[in-house]
PDB file of N, CA and C in Angstrom:
ATOM      1  N   UNK A   1     130.296 128.550  84.017  1.00  0.00           N
ATOM      2  CA  UNK A   1     129.379 129.275  85.311  1.00  0.00           C
ATOM      3  C   UNK A   1     128.319 128.126  85.304  1.00  0.00           C
ATOM      4  N   UNK A   2     128.141 127.943  86.846  1.00  0.00           N
ATOM      5  CA  UNK A   2     127.724 125.996  87.769  1.00  0.00           C
ATOM      6  C   UNK A   2     126.141 126.697  87.389  1.00  0.00           C
ATOM      7  N   UNK A   3     124.959 126.201  86.887  1.00  0.00           N
ATOM      8  CA  UNK A   3     123.802 126.115  86.537  1.00  0.00           C
ATOM      9  C   UNK A   3     123.495 125.930  88.505  1.00  0.00           C
ATOM     10  N   UNK A   4     122.737 126.663  89.016  1.00  0.00           N
ATOM     11  CA  UNK A   4     121.824 126.764  89.733  1.00  0.00           C
ATOM     12  C   UNK A   4     120.728 126.238  90.231  1.00  0.00           C
ATOM     13  N   UNK A   5     120.524 124.822  90.590  1.00  0.00           N
ATOM     14  CA  UNK A   5     119.540 124.540  90.209  1.00  0.00           C
ATOM     15  C   UNK A   5     118.723 123.467  91.860  1.00  0.00           C
ATOM     16  N   UNK A   6     117.906 124.278  91.958  1.00  0.00           N
ATOM     17  CA  UNK A   6     117.485 123.755  93.436  1.00  0.00           C
ATOM     18  C   UNK A   6     116.982 122.432  93.829  1.00  0.00           C
ATOM     19  N   UNK A   7     117.904 121.650  94.633  1.00  0.00           N
ATOM     20  CA  UNK A   7     117.268 120.253  95.135  1.00  0.00           C
ATOM     21  C   UNK A   7     116.828 119.850  96.124  1.00  0.00           C
ATOM     22  N   UNK A   8     115.757 118.885  95.183  1.00  0.00           N
ATOM     23  CA  UNK A   8     114.135 118.978  96.185  1.00  0.00           C
ATOM     24  C   UNK A   8     114.470 117.847  96.989  1.00  0.00           C
ATOM     25  N   UNK A   9     114.448 117.989  98.502  1.00  0.00           N
ATOM     26  CA  UNK A   9     113.797 116.590  99.091  1.00  0.00           C
ATOM     27  C   UNK A   9     112.382 116.159  99.402  1.00  0.00           C
ATOM     28  N   UNK A  10     112.499 115.034  98.977  1.00  0.00           N
ATOM     29  CA  UNK A  10     111.202 114.531  99.425  1.00  0.00           C
ATOM     30  C   UNK A  10     110.625 114.232 100.597  1.00  0.00           C
ATOM     31  N   UNK A  11     109.464 114.646 100.608  1.00  0.00           N
ATOM     32  CA  UNK A  11     108.723 114.758 102.247  1.00  0.00           C
ATOM     33  C   UNK A  11     108.342 113.076 102.851  1.00  0.00           C
ATOM     34  N   UNK A  12     108.803 112.701 103.962  1.00  0.00           N
ATOM     35  CA  UNK A  12     108.232 111.167 104.376  1.00  0.00           C
ATOM     36  C   UNK A  12     106.808 111.496 104.098  1.00  0.00           C
ATOM     37  N   UNK A  13     106.624 110.223 103.498  1.00  0.00           N
ATOM     38  CA  UNK A  13     104.389 109.842 103.304  1.00  0.00           C
ATOM     39  C   UNK A  13     104.113 109.191 104.732  1.00  0.00           C
ATOM     40  N   UNK A  14     104.793 108.795 105.961  1.00  0.00           N
ATOM     41  CA  UNK A  14     104.302 108.490 106.977  1.00  0.00           C
ATOM     42  C   UNK A  14     104.026 109.490 108.225  1.00  0.00           C
ATOM     43  N   UNK A  15     103.098 109.576 108.904  1.00  0.00           N
ATOM     44  CA  UNK A  15     102.343 110.474 109.929  1.00  0.00           C
ATOM     45  C   UNK A  15     102.148 109.743 111.215  1.00  0.00           C
ATOM     46  N   UNK A  16     101.925 110.522 112.113  1.00  0.00           N
ATOM     47  CA  UNK A  16     101.738 110.227 113.080  1.00  0.00           C
ATOM     48  C   UNK A  16     100.144 110.531 113.529  1.00  0.00           C
ATOM     49  N   UNK A  17      99.067 109.590 113.725  1.00  0.00           N
ATOM     50  CA  UNK A  17      97.707 109.911 113.365  1.00  0.00           C
ATOM     51  C   UNK A  17      96.836 110.163 115.005  1.00  0.00           C
ATOM     52  N   UNK A  18      96.094 111.082 115.387  1.00  0.00           N
ATOM     53  CA  UNK A  18      95.292 111.123 116.257  1.00  0.00           C
ATOM     54  C   UNK A  18      94.458 109.985 115.962  1.00  0.00           C
ATOM     55  N   UNK A  19      93.875 108.861 116.745  1.00  0.00           N
ATOM     56  CA  UNK A  19      93.225 108.203 116.518  1.00  0.00           C
ATOM     57  C   UNK A  19      91.730 107.867 117.334  1.00  0.00           C
ATOM     58  N   UNK A  20      91.027 107.863 117.361  1.00  0.00           N
ATOM     59  CA  UNK A  20      89.465 107.970 118.522  1.00  0.00           C
ATOM     60  C   UNK A  20      89.105 106.149 118.533  1.00  0.00           C
ATOM     61  N   UNK A  21      88.987 105.596 119.734  1.00  0.00           N
ATOM     62  CA  UNK A  21      88.480 103.990 119.353  1.00  0.00           C
ATOM     63  C   UNK A  21      86.735 104.466 119.404  1.00  0.00           C
ATOM     64  N   UNK A  22      86.677 103.383 119.023  1.00  0.00           N
ATOM     65  CA  UNK A  22      85.112 103.605 118.771  1.00  0.00           C
ATOM     66  C   UNK A  22      84.123 102.818 119.582  1.00  0.00           C
ATOM     67  N   UNK A  23      85.090 102.123 120.894  1.00  0.00           N
ATOM     68  CA  UNK A  23      84.485 101.323 121.998  1.00  0.00           C
ATOM     69  C   UNK A  23      84.131 102.445 122.769  1.00  0.00           C
ATOM     70  N   UNK A  24      85.336 103.203 123.529  1.00  0.00           N
ATOM     71  CA  UNK A  24      85.803 103.925 124.518  1.00  0.00           C
ATOM     72  C   UNK A  24      85.346 104.975 124.353  1.00  0.00           C
ATOM     73  N   UNK A  25      85.719 105.687 123.055  1.00  0.00           N
ATOM     74  CA  UNK A  25      86.151 107.186 122.923  1.00  0.00           C
ATOM     75  C   UNK A  25      87.467 107.915 123.515  1.00  0.00           C
ATOM     76  N   UNK A  26      88.364 106.983 123.378  1.00  0.00           N
ATOM     77  CA  UNK A  26      89.526 107.320 123.753  1.00  0.00           C
ATOM     78  C   UNK A  26      90.638 107.835 122.792  1.00  0.00           C
ATOM     79  N   UNK A  27      90.961 108.749 122.883  1.00  0.00           N
ATOM     80  CA  UNK A  27      92.242 108.987 122.091  1.00  0.00           C
ATOM     81  C   UNK A  27      93.230 108.836 121.815  1.00  0.00           C
ATOM     82  N   UNK A  28      94.315 108.171 121.074  1.00  0.00           N
ATOM     83  CA  UNK A  28      95.292 107.971 121.273  1.00  0.00           C
ATOM     84  C   UNK A  28      96.008 108.266 119.851  1.00  0.00           C
ATOM     85  N   UNK A  29      97.316 108.195 120.031  1.00  0.00           N
ATOM     86  CA  UNK A  29      98.435 108.557 118.619  1.00  0.00           C
ATOM     87  C   UNK A  29      99.133 107.473 118.275  1.00  0.00           C
ATOM     88  N   UNK A  30      99.015 107.184 116.987  1.00  0.00           N
ATOM     89  CA  UNK A  30      99.798 105.922 116.089  1.00  0.00           C
ATOM     90  C   UNK A  30     100.432 106.498 115.045  1.00  0.00           C
ATOM     91  N   UNK A  31     101.108 105.520 114.672  1.00  0.00           N
ATOM     92  CA  UNK A  31     101.972 105.986 113.711  1.00  0.00           C
ATOM     93  C   UNK A  31     101.166 105.392 112.402  1.00  0.00           C
ATOM     94  N   UNK A  32     101.181 105.595 111.214  1.00  0.00           N
ATOM     95  CA  UNK A  32     100.368 105.989 110.101  1.00  0.00           C
ATOM     96  C   UNK A  32     100.818 104.040 109.889  1.00  0.00           C
ATOM     97  N   UNK A  33     102.287 103.721 109.318  1.00  0.00           N
ATOM     98  CA  UNK A  33     103.177 102.449 109.183  1.00  0.00           C
ATOM     99  C   UNK A  33     103.328 101.947 110.063  1.00  0.00           C
ATOM    100  N   UNK A  34     102.628 101.539 111.227  1.00  0.00           N
ATOM    101  CA  UNK A  34     102.904 100.954 112.302  1.00  0.00           C
ATOM    102  C   UNK A  34     103.591  99.715 111.697  1.00  0.00           C
ATOM    103  N   UNK A  35     104.598  99.089 112.372  1.00  0.00           N
ATOM    104  CA  UNK A  35     104.783  97.645 112.363  1.00  0.00           C
ATOM    105  C   UNK A  35     104.280  96.260 113.351  1.00  0.00           C
ATOM    106  N   UNK A  36     103.423  96.773 114.167  1.00  0.00           N
ATOM    107  CA  UNK A  36     102.848  95.968 115.819  1.00  0.00           C
ATOM    108  C   UNK A  36     101.478  96.237 115.841  1.00  0.00           C
ATOM    109  N   UNK A  37     100.761  95.584 116.149  1.00  0.00           N
ATOM    110  CA  UNK A  37      99.083  95.737 116.722  1.00  0.00           C
ATOM    111  C   UNK A  37      99.301  96.235 117.257  1.00  0.00           C
ATOM    112  N   UNK A  38      98.836  97.543 117.468  1.00  0.00           N
ATOM    113  CA  UNK A  38      98.237  99.010 118.217  1.00  0.00           C
ATOM    114  C   UNK A  38      97.046  98.429 119.148  1.00  0.00           C
ATOM    115  N   UNK A  39      96.781  98.776 120.506  1.00  0.00           N
ATOM    116  CA  UNK A  39      95.339  98.219 121.451  1.00  0.00           C
ATOM    117  C   UNK A  39      95.202  99.832 122.022  1.00  0.00           C
ATOM    118  N   UNK A  40      94.074 100.017 122.500  1.00  0.00           N
ATOM    119  CA  UNK A  40      93.462 100.711 122.892  1.00  0.00           C
ATOM    120  C   UNK A  40      94.039 100.741 123.957  1.00  0.00           C
ATOM    121  N   UNK A  41      94.718 101.871 124.939  1.00  0.00           N
ATOM    122  CA  UNK A  41      94.983 101.808 126.228  1.00  0.00           C
ATOM    123  C   UNK A  41      93.963 101.556 127.505  1.00  0.00           C
ATOM    124  N   UNK A  42      92.728 101.580 127.104  1.00  0.00           N
ATOM    125  CA  UNK A  42      91.450 102.023 127.876  1.00  0.00           C
ATOM    126  C   UNK A  42      90.769 100.348 127.549  1.00  0.00           C
ATOM    127  N   UNK A  43      90.625 100.231 126.719  1.00  0.00           N
ATOM    128  CA  UNK A  43      89.371  99.143 126.769  1.00  0.00           C
ATOM    129  C   UNK A  43      90.108  97.429 126.126  1.00  0.00           C
ATOM    130  N   UNK A  44      91.687  97.986 125.868  1.00  0.00           N
ATOM    131  CA  UNK A  44      92.280  96.997 124.768  1.00  0.00           C
ATOM    132  C   UNK A  44      91.546  96.728 123.438  1.00  0.00           C
ATOM    133  N   UNK A  45      90.615  97.541 122.322  1.00  0.00           N
ATOM    134  CA  UNK A  45      90.434  97.058 121.646  1.00  0.00           C
ATOM    135  C   UNK A  45      91.308  97.747 120.242  1.00  0.00           C
ATOM    136  N   UNK A  46      91.133  96.719 119.255  1.00  0.00           N
ATOM    137  CA  UNK A  46      92.181  96.887 118.552  1.00  0.00           C
ATOM    138  C   UNK A  46      92.340  98.046 117.722  1.00  0.00           C
ATOM    139  N   UNK A  47      93.091  99.009 117.776  1.00  0.00           N
ATOM    140  CA  UNK A  47      92.970 100.423 116.839  1.00  0.00           C
ATOM    141  C   UNK A  47      93.401 100.154 115.609  1.00  0.00           C
ATOM    142  N   UNK A  48      95.042  99.497 115.688  1.00  0.00           N
ATOM    143  CA  UNK A  48      95.628  99.352 113.820  1.00  0.00           C
ATOM    144  C   UNK A  48      96.399  98.144 114.223  1.00  0.00           C
ATOM    145  N   UNK A  49      96.188  97.557 112.963  1.00  0.00           N
ATOM    146  CA  UNK A  49      97.381  96.336 112.660  1.00  0.00           C
ATOM    147  C   UNK A  49      97.894  96.421 111.600  1.00  0.00           C
ATOM    148  N   UNK A  50      99.295  96.326 111.344  1.00  0.00           N
ATOM    149  CA  UNK A  50     100.049  96.136 110.208  1.00  0.00           C
ATOM    150  C   UNK A  50      99.802  95.267 109.292  1.00  0.00           C
ATOM    151  N   UNK A  51     100.044  95.852 107.966  1.00  0.00           N
ATOM    152  CA  UNK A  51      99.889  95.119 106.391  1.00  0.00           C
ATOM    153  C   UNK A  51     101.084  95.078 105.812  1.00  0.00           C
ATOM    154  N   UNK A  52     102.063  95.661 106.031  1.00  0.00           N
ATOM    155  CA  UNK A  52     103.078  95.109 105.303  1.00  0.00           C
ATOM    156  C   UNK A  52     103.921  96.653 104.379  1.00  0.00           C
ATOM    157  N   UNK A  53     102.552  97.696 105.127  1.00  0.00           N
ATOM    158  CA  UNK A  53     102.613  99.484 104.347  1.00  0.00           C
ATOM    159  C   UNK A  53     102.168  99.955 105.354  1.00  0.00           C
ATOM    160  N   UNK A  54     101.046 100.570 104.948  1.00  0.00           N
ATOM    161  CA  UNK A  54     100.688 101.470 105.896  1.00  0.00           C
ATOM    162  C   UNK A  54      99.519 100.561 106.450  1.00  0.00           C
ATOM    163  N   UNK A  55      99.572 101.230 108.084  1.00  0.00           N
ATOM    164  CA  UNK A  55      98.624 100.318 109.100  1.00  0.00           C
ATOM    165  C   UNK A  55      97.042 100.006 108.551  1.00  0.00           C
ATOM    166  N   UNK A  56      96.605  99.520 108.696  1.00  0.00           N
ATOM    167  CA  UNK A  56      94.845  99.169 108.694  1.00  0.00           C
ATOM    168  C   UNK A  56      94.401  99.660 109.769  1.00  0.00           C
ATOM    169  N   UNK A  57      93.980 101.006 109.877  1.00  0.00           N
ATOM    170  CA  UNK A  57      93.407 101.810 111.253  1.00  0.00           C
ATOM    171  C   UNK A  57      91.826 101.587 111.255  1.00  0.00           C
ATOM    172  N   UNK A  58      91.431 100.849 112.319  1.00  0.00           N
ATOM    173  CA  UNK A  58      90.009 100.172 112.906  1.00  0.00           C
ATOM    174  C   UNK A  58      89.169 101.674 113.667  1.00  0.00           C
ATOM    175  N   UNK A  59      90.020 102.734 113.956  1.00  0.00           N
ATOM    176  CA  UNK A  59      89.199 103.913 114.933  1.00  0.00           C
ATOM    177  C   UNK A  59      89.240 104.544 113.512  1.00  0.00           C
ATOM    178  N   UNK A  60      88.260 105.711 114.185  1.00  0.00           N
ATOM    179  CA  UNK A  60      88.361 106.726 113.216  1.00  0.00           C
ATOM    180  C   UNK A  60      89.755 107.942 113.465  1.00  0.00           C
ATOM    181  N   UNK A  61      90.426 108.490 112.453  1.00  0.00           N
ATOM    182  CA  UNK A  61      90.900 109.513 112.662  1.00  0.00           C
ATOM    183  C   UNK A  61      90.282 110.530 112.640  1.00  0.00           C
ATOM    184  N   UNK A  62      90.865 111.171 113.818  1.00  0.00           N
ATOM    185  CA  UNK A  62      90.713 112.527 113.883  1.00  0.00           C
ATOM    186  C   UNK A  62      91.204 113.502 113.682  1.00  0.00           C
ATOM    187  N   UNK A  63      92.559 113.109 113.314  1.00  0.00           N
ATOM    188  CA  UNK A  63      93.560 114.336 112.983  1.00  0.00           C
ATOM    189  C   UNK A  63      95.008 113.523 112.700  1.00  0.00           C
ATOM    190  N   UNK A  64      95.959 114.323 112.197  1.00  0.00           N
ATOM    191  CA  UNK A  64      97.351 114.160 111.951  1.00  0.00           C
ATOM    192  C   UNK A  64      98.345 115.010 112.773  1.00  0.00           C
ATOM    193  N   UNK A  65      99.264 114.582 112.876  1.00  0.00           N
ATOM    194  CA  UNK A  65      99.921 115.254 113.641  1.00  0.00           C
ATOM    195  C   UNK A  65     101.452 115.686 112.704  1.00  0.00           C
ATOM    196  N   UNK A  66     102.324 116.543 113.316  1.00  0.00           N
ATOM    197  CA  UNK A  66     103.354 116.559 112.246  1.00  0.00           C
ATOM    198  C   UNK A  66     102.916 117.190 110.965  1.00  0.00           C
ATOM    199  N   UNK A  67     101.950 117.998 110.396  1.00  0.00           N
ATOM    200  CA  UNK A  67     102.045 118.143 109.132  1.00  0.00           C
ATOM    201  C   UNK A  67     101.637 119.752 108.849  1.00  0.00           C
TER     202      UNK A  67
END
């Protein structure tokens, strides 16, 4: 008889984040593991920069998408 074992698939640790700019208040969607510098569309302020893993986010994280 074959044992029925549940095979678990790991969930990704990366997410899309809704980030609010400190300067102008514009909200923008940023990937949590961004590999390039992400700037605000309105005022050109840096919202996130890569660190080799998770991105360093400089704006306020308002929410997470895809949870």
